[in-house]
Each structure stands twice: as C-alpha cells, then as structure tokens.
C-alpha cells in the first residue's frame, strides 16, 4: 500500500476523503435506520464515490496547475528559430537573365 501512495500522488487524498466520508455515512445510516448491514452498504458506497471523485479532482487540479506554470513560463509555444527558411526544391527550369 505504501508504494501506491508514493507513486500516485492523488491516491492518498482520494483514500483519506473516501474513508472519512464512508465512515460518516455509515454512522449516520446506523443512527437513522438502525440496521448494521444497511449502514455498511451506505458506507462502502460513499467511500467509493467520494474516493474516486476526490482522486479525479486532485488529478484535474494538478494538470491545471502544470498548464498554468507552462503558460507563465512560455513553454506552451513552439520555439522560434531566427532567420530559418525551409529548403525549397530546386526547379528544373533554368533562370532567364
């Protein structure tokens, strides 16, 4: 589990938000309905939905930040080469002087 959290930067956030939301939903479901199985189902469902949503949101925010940094540094535009002209094919006709 440690290697997943090291290699995937947003996995930690997704898991933490999912565990927190799933625990809250399970306790609320237990107090409201009184059934442990129903509360567990709601907890697992909430864990999955919130965990996946938090990971995708974190990935989107990271990509947005990287794009903004590239834009501010001017790395999103192709480099210009001074006085560059592409090679033109030689014509078969001789030039008239």
Protein backbone atom coordinates (compact mmCIF):
# COMPACT_ATOMS: atom_id res chain seq x y z
CA UNK A 1 0.00 0.00 0.00
CA UNK A 2 2.89 2.34 0.67
CA UNK A 3 4.19 2.01 -2.89
CA UNK A 4 0.77 3.00 -4.30
CA UNK A 5 0.74 6.13 -2.17
CA UNK A 6 4.29 7.03 -3.20
CA UNK A 7 3.83 6.60 -6.95
CA UNK A 8 0.33 8.01 -7.30
CA UNK A 9 0.26 11.47 -5.71
CA UNK A 10 -3.52 11.82 -5.63
CA UNK A 11 -4.26 8.33 -4.28
CA UNK A 12 -3.63 9.44 -0.70
CA UNK A 13 -6.14 12.28 -0.92
CA UNK A 14 -8.76 10.06 -2.53
CA UNK A 15 -8.38 7.37 0.09
CA UNK A 16 -8.49 9.80 3.01
CA UNK A 17 -11.57 11.62 1.75
CA UNK A 18 -13.26 8.32 0.90
CA UNK A 19 -12.58 6.78 4.32
CA UNK A 20 -13.78 9.90 6.12
CA UNK A 21 -16.96 10.23 4.09
CA UNK A 22 -17.68 6.50 4.21
CA UNK A 23 -17.30 6.42 7.99
CA UNK A 24 -19.61 9.41 8.42
CA UNK A 25 -22.20 7.90 6.08
CA UNK A 26 -22.06 4.55 7.89
CA UNK A 27 -22.56 6.14 11.31
CA UNK A 28 -25.38 8.34 10.05
CA UNK A 29 -27.05 5.37 8.40
CA UNK A 30 -26.67 3.33 11.59
CA UNK A 31 -28.28 6.05 13.70
CA UNK A 32 -31.06 6.72 11.20
CA UNK A 33 -32.04 3.18 10.20
CA UNK A 34 -30.57 1.09 12.99
CA UNK A 35 -29.53 -1.67 10.59
CA UNK A 36 -25.84 -2.51 10.53
CA UNK A 37 -25.97 -4.07 7.04
CA UNK A 38 -27.73 -1.07 5.51
CA UNK A 39 -25.32 1.32 7.22
CA UNK A 40 -22.35 -0.72 5.94
CA UNK A 41 -23.69 -0.64 2.40
CA UNK A 42 -24.09 3.13 2.54
CA UNK A 43 -20.59 3.49 3.98
CA UNK A 44 -18.98 1.40 1.23
CA UNK A 45 -20.95 3.17 -1.50
CA UNK A 46 -20.00 6.59 -0.14
CA UNK A 47 -16.34 5.52 0.22
CA UNK A 48 -16.21 4.50 -3.44
CA UNK A 49 -17.95 7.53 -4.86
CA UNK A 50 -16.16 10.14 -2.75
CA UNK A 51 -12.76 8.43 -3.12
CA UNK A 52 -12.95 8.27 -6.91
CA UNK A 53 -14.31 11.82 -7.17
CA UNK A 54 -11.56 13.19 -4.89
CA UNK A 55 -8.82 11.45 -6.89
CA UNK A 56 -10.15 12.74 -10.20
CA UNK A 57 -10.50 16.25 -8.80
CA UNK A 58 -6.93 16.15 -7.49
CA UNK A 59 -5.65 14.92 -10.89
CA UNK A 60 -7.53 17.72 -12.65
CA UNK A 61 -6.12 20.34 -10.26
CA UNK A 62 -2.57 19.07 -10.77
CA UNK A 63 -2.94 19.16 -14.56
CA UNK A 64 -4.43 22.66 -14.37
CA UNK A 65 -1.54 23.90 -12.21
CA UNK A 66 1.03 22.40 -14.59
CA UNK A 67 -0.67 24.02 -17.57
CA UNK A 68 -0.69 27.39 -15.81
CA UNK A 69 3.01 27.08 -14.97
CA UNK A 70 3.81 26.15 -18.59
CA UNK A 71 1.82 29.15 -19.79
CA UNK A 72 3.53 31.54 -17.39
CA UNK A 73 6.97 30.26 -18.36
CA UNK A 74 6.14 30.41 -22.06
CA UNK A 75 6.76 26.74 -22.62
CA UNK A 76 3.47 26.13 -24.41
CA UNK A 77 4.57 27.92 -27.59
CA UNK A 78 6.96 26.35 -30.10
CA UNK A 79 10.46 27.75 -30.11
CA UNK A 80 11.26 30.27 -32.84
CA UNK A 81 14.45 29.91 -34.81
CA UNK A 82 15.85 33.17 -36.13
CA UNK A 83 16.12 33.54 -39.93
CA UNK A 84 15.05 29.98 -40.68
CA UNK A 85 13.71 29.21 -44.13
CA UNK A 86 12.85 25.67 -45.12
CA UNK A 87 14.69 24.14 -48.04
CA UNK A 88 12.89 24.69 -51.31
CA UNK A 89 13.04 22.09 -54.03
CA UNK A 90 15.18 23.08 -56.96
CA UNK A 91 13.21 23.81 -60.09
CA UNK A 92 14.13 22.13 -63.37
CA UNK A 93 13.86 25.33 -65.38
CA UNK A 94 16.97 27.47 -65.74
CA UNK A 95 16.60 31.10 -64.82
CA UNK A 96 16.50 33.60 -67.65
CA UNK A 97 18.80 36.54 -67.08
